[in-house]
Structures are given as C-alpha cells and as structure tokens.
Amino acid sequence: MYRPYQILRVFHFRMKSLSLLEFVPFSFCIVVTGHISALVHHLKLVLDGSVSYFFSNMDI
C-alpha cells in the first residue's frame, strides 16, 4: 500500500512530467467526481431527512 506522502510525491512527479493541457482535465475530473459524490451523499441525507420528517408529521 502507498503511504499518503508517497502518493503525493508520485502526483508531484506526474504533474511535472505532464503538460498543463493534460493536467487540467485530470484535476477537473478529480474535482467533478468529488463534487458528484458529495452531491449524491447530500441528496441522500436530504431525502432520508424529508422522508422521515414526512412520516413523523403524518396523522394516521
């Protein structure tokens, strides 16, 4: 397994070897996937909260 600082060193080496045009889409992909996973997590929390709120406020 890689230690975090080893991964950072590998990334740093890759960044130096990559041109800017190759690096930008790469970082963009990381940012987008991070945002999508955070968004999905947030939506799941919101849905769970609203469903439980809805059921707790229903008069059966």
N, C-alpha and C. Protein backbone atom coordinates (compact mmCIF):
# COMPACT_ATOMS: atom_id res chain seq x y z
N MET A 1 0.84 -1.21 0.00
CA MET A 1 0.00 0.00 0.00
C MET A 1 0.87 1.25 0.00
N TYR A 2 0.39 2.26 -0.68
CA TYR A 2 1.09 3.54 -0.69
C TYR A 2 0.77 4.32 0.58
N ARG A 3 1.79 5.00 1.10
CA ARG A 3 1.53 5.96 2.15
C ARG A 3 1.11 7.27 1.48
N PRO A 4 0.35 8.13 2.18
CA PRO A 4 -0.15 9.37 1.55
C PRO A 4 0.96 10.23 0.97
N TYR A 5 2.08 10.36 1.70
CA TYR A 5 3.14 11.23 1.18
C TYR A 5 3.78 10.62 -0.06
N GLN A 6 3.79 9.30 -0.16
CA GLN A 6 4.32 8.67 -1.38
C GLN A 6 3.41 8.97 -2.56
N ILE A 7 2.10 8.93 -2.32
CA ILE A 7 1.15 9.25 -3.39
C ILE A 7 1.34 10.69 -3.83
N LEU A 8 1.51 11.59 -2.85
CA LEU A 8 1.73 13.00 -3.17
C LEU A 8 2.99 13.17 -3.99
N ARG A 9 4.04 12.43 -3.63
CA ARG A 9 5.29 12.53 -4.39
C ARG A 9 5.09 12.02 -5.81
N VAL A 10 4.35 10.93 -5.96
CA VAL A 10 4.07 10.39 -7.30
C VAL A 10 3.27 11.41 -8.11
N PHE A 11 2.24 12.02 -7.46
CA PHE A 11 1.44 13.02 -8.15
C PHE A 11 2.30 14.20 -8.56
N HIS A 12 3.20 14.62 -7.65
CA HIS A 12 4.06 15.76 -7.94
C HIS A 12 4.95 15.45 -9.14
N PHE A 13 5.49 14.24 -9.15
CA PHE A 13 6.34 13.84 -10.27
C PHE A 13 5.54 13.80 -11.57
N ARG A 14 4.33 13.27 -11.50
CA ARG A 14 3.48 13.20 -12.68
C ARG A 14 3.13 14.60 -13.18
N MET A 15 2.84 15.49 -12.23
CA MET A 15 2.47 16.85 -12.61
C MET A 15 3.61 17.54 -13.34
N LYS A 16 4.83 17.29 -12.85
CA LYS A 16 5.98 17.91 -13.51
C LYS A 16 6.17 17.35 -14.91
N SER A 17 5.86 16.05 -15.08
CA SER A 17 6.07 15.43 -16.39
C SER A 17 4.91 15.74 -17.34
N LEU A 18 3.73 16.00 -16.77
CA LEU A 18 2.58 16.31 -17.63
C LEU A 18 2.63 17.76 -18.08
N SER A 19 2.08 17.99 -19.24
CA SER A 19 1.91 19.37 -19.67
C SER A 19 0.64 19.93 -19.02
N LEU A 20 0.46 21.22 -19.10
CA LEU A 20 -0.70 21.85 -18.48
C LEU A 20 -2.00 21.36 -19.11
N LEU A 21 -1.98 21.14 -20.42
CA LEU A 21 -3.18 20.69 -21.12
C LEU A 21 -3.63 19.31 -20.66
N GLU A 22 -2.67 18.47 -20.26
CA GLU A 22 -3.02 17.15 -19.78
C GLU A 22 -3.42 17.21 -18.31
N PHE A 23 -2.84 18.16 -17.59
CA PHE A 23 -3.09 18.23 -16.15
C PHE A 23 -4.47 18.81 -15.85
N VAL A 24 -4.91 19.79 -16.64
CA VAL A 24 -6.18 20.46 -16.35
C VAL A 24 -7.38 19.49 -16.39
N PRO A 25 -7.54 18.67 -17.45
CA PRO A 25 -8.66 17.73 -17.44
C PRO A 25 -8.57 16.73 -16.29
N PHE A 26 -7.34 16.34 -15.94
CA PHE A 26 -7.12 15.38 -14.87
C PHE A 26 -7.64 15.95 -13.54
N SER A 27 -7.24 17.19 -13.23
CA SER A 27 -7.70 17.81 -11.98
C SER A 27 -9.19 18.10 -12.05
N PHE A 28 -9.67 18.45 -13.24
CA PHE A 28 -11.10 18.71 -13.42
C PHE A 28 -11.91 17.44 -13.13
N CYS A 29 -11.41 16.30 -13.60
CA CYS A 29 -12.09 15.03 -13.34
C CYS A 29 -12.14 14.74 -11.85
N ILE A 30 -11.02 14.99 -11.15
CA ILE A 30 -10.97 14.76 -9.70
C ILE A 30 -12.00 15.64 -9.00
N VAL A 31 -12.03 16.92 -9.37
CA VAL A 31 -12.96 17.87 -8.75
C VAL A 31 -14.41 17.46 -9.03
N VAL A 32 -14.69 17.11 -10.28
CA VAL A 32 -16.06 16.76 -10.66
C VAL A 32 -16.52 15.50 -9.94
N THR A 33 -15.67 14.47 -9.89
CA THR A 33 -16.08 13.24 -9.21
C THR A 33 -16.26 13.49 -7.72
N GLY A 34 -15.40 14.34 -7.14
CA GLY A 34 -15.55 14.68 -5.73
C GLY A 34 -16.86 15.39 -5.48
N HIS A 35 -17.20 16.35 -6.36
CA HIS A 35 -18.44 17.10 -6.20
C HIS A 35 -19.64 16.19 -6.39
N ILE A 36 -19.58 15.27 -7.36
CA ILE A 36 -20.71 14.37 -7.62
C ILE A 36 -20.94 13.46 -6.42
N SER A 37 -19.86 12.91 -5.86
CA SER A 37 -20.05 12.02 -4.71
C SER A 37 -20.58 12.80 -3.51
N ALA A 38 -20.10 14.03 -3.31
CA ALA A 38 -20.61 14.85 -2.22
C ALA A 38 -22.07 15.20 -2.44
N LEU A 39 -22.42 15.50 -3.70
CA LEU A 39 -23.79 15.86 -4.03
C LEU A 39 -24.73 14.68 -3.80
N VAL A 40 -24.30 13.49 -4.22
CA VAL A 40 -25.11 12.28 -4.03
C VAL A 40 -25.31 12.03 -2.54
N HIS A 41 -24.23 12.17 -1.77
CA HIS A 41 -24.32 11.98 -0.32
C HIS A 41 -25.30 12.98 0.29
N HIS A 42 -25.19 14.25 -0.14
CA HIS A 42 -26.06 15.32 0.37
C HIS A 42 -27.52 15.04 0.01
N LEU A 43 -27.76 14.63 -1.25
CA LEU A 43 -29.12 14.32 -1.68
C LEU A 43 -29.71 13.17 -0.88
N LYS A 44 -28.87 12.17 -0.60
CA LYS A 44 -29.34 11.02 0.17
C LYS A 44 -29.72 11.46 1.58
N LEU A 45 -28.90 12.31 2.18
CA LEU A 45 -29.23 12.82 3.52
C LEU A 45 -30.52 13.62 3.49
N VAL A 46 -30.66 14.48 2.48
CA VAL A 46 -31.86 15.31 2.38
C VAL A 46 -33.10 14.44 2.19
N LEU A 47 -32.99 13.44 1.32
CA LEU A 47 -34.13 12.54 1.06
C LEU A 47 -34.50 11.76 2.32
N ASP A 48 -33.48 11.23 3.00
CA ASP A 48 -33.75 10.49 4.23
C ASP A 48 -34.44 11.39 5.25
N GLY A 49 -33.94 12.61 5.40
CA GLY A 49 -34.49 13.55 6.36
C GLY A 49 -35.92 13.93 6.03
N SER A 50 -36.18 14.22 4.73
CA SER A 50 -37.52 14.66 4.35
C SER A 50 -38.52 13.51 4.46
N VAL A 51 -38.09 12.31 4.13
CA VAL A 51 -39.00 11.16 4.23
C VAL A 51 -39.35 10.89 5.69
N SER A 52 -38.36 10.91 6.56
CA SER A 52 -38.65 10.66 7.97
C SER A 52 -39.49 11.80 8.56
N TYR A 53 -39.22 13.04 8.11
CA TYR A 53 -39.99 14.19 8.57
C TYR A 53 -41.45 14.07 8.13
N PHE A 54 -41.62 13.66 6.86
CA PHE A 54 -42.96 13.49 6.29
C PHE A 54 -43.75 12.45 7.07
N PHE A 55 -43.10 11.31 7.35
CA PHE A 55 -43.80 10.24 8.05
C PHE A 55 -44.07 10.60 9.51
N SER A 56 -43.18 11.37 10.13
CA SER A 56 -43.40 11.72 11.52
C SER A 56 -44.50 12.76 11.66
N ASN A 57 -44.76 13.54 10.60
CA ASN A 57 -45.79 14.58 10.67
C ASN A 57 -47.13 14.13 10.11
N MET A 58 -47.19 12.90 9.61
CA MET A 58 -48.46 12.41 9.07
C MET A 58 -49.37 11.96 10.19
N ASP A 59 -50.63 12.28 10.07
CA ASP A 59 -51.62 11.81 11.04
C ASP A 59 -52.30 10.58 10.47
N ILE A 60 -51.96 9.44 11.03
CA ILE A 60 -52.52 8.18 10.51
C ILE A 60 -53.69 7.76 11.39
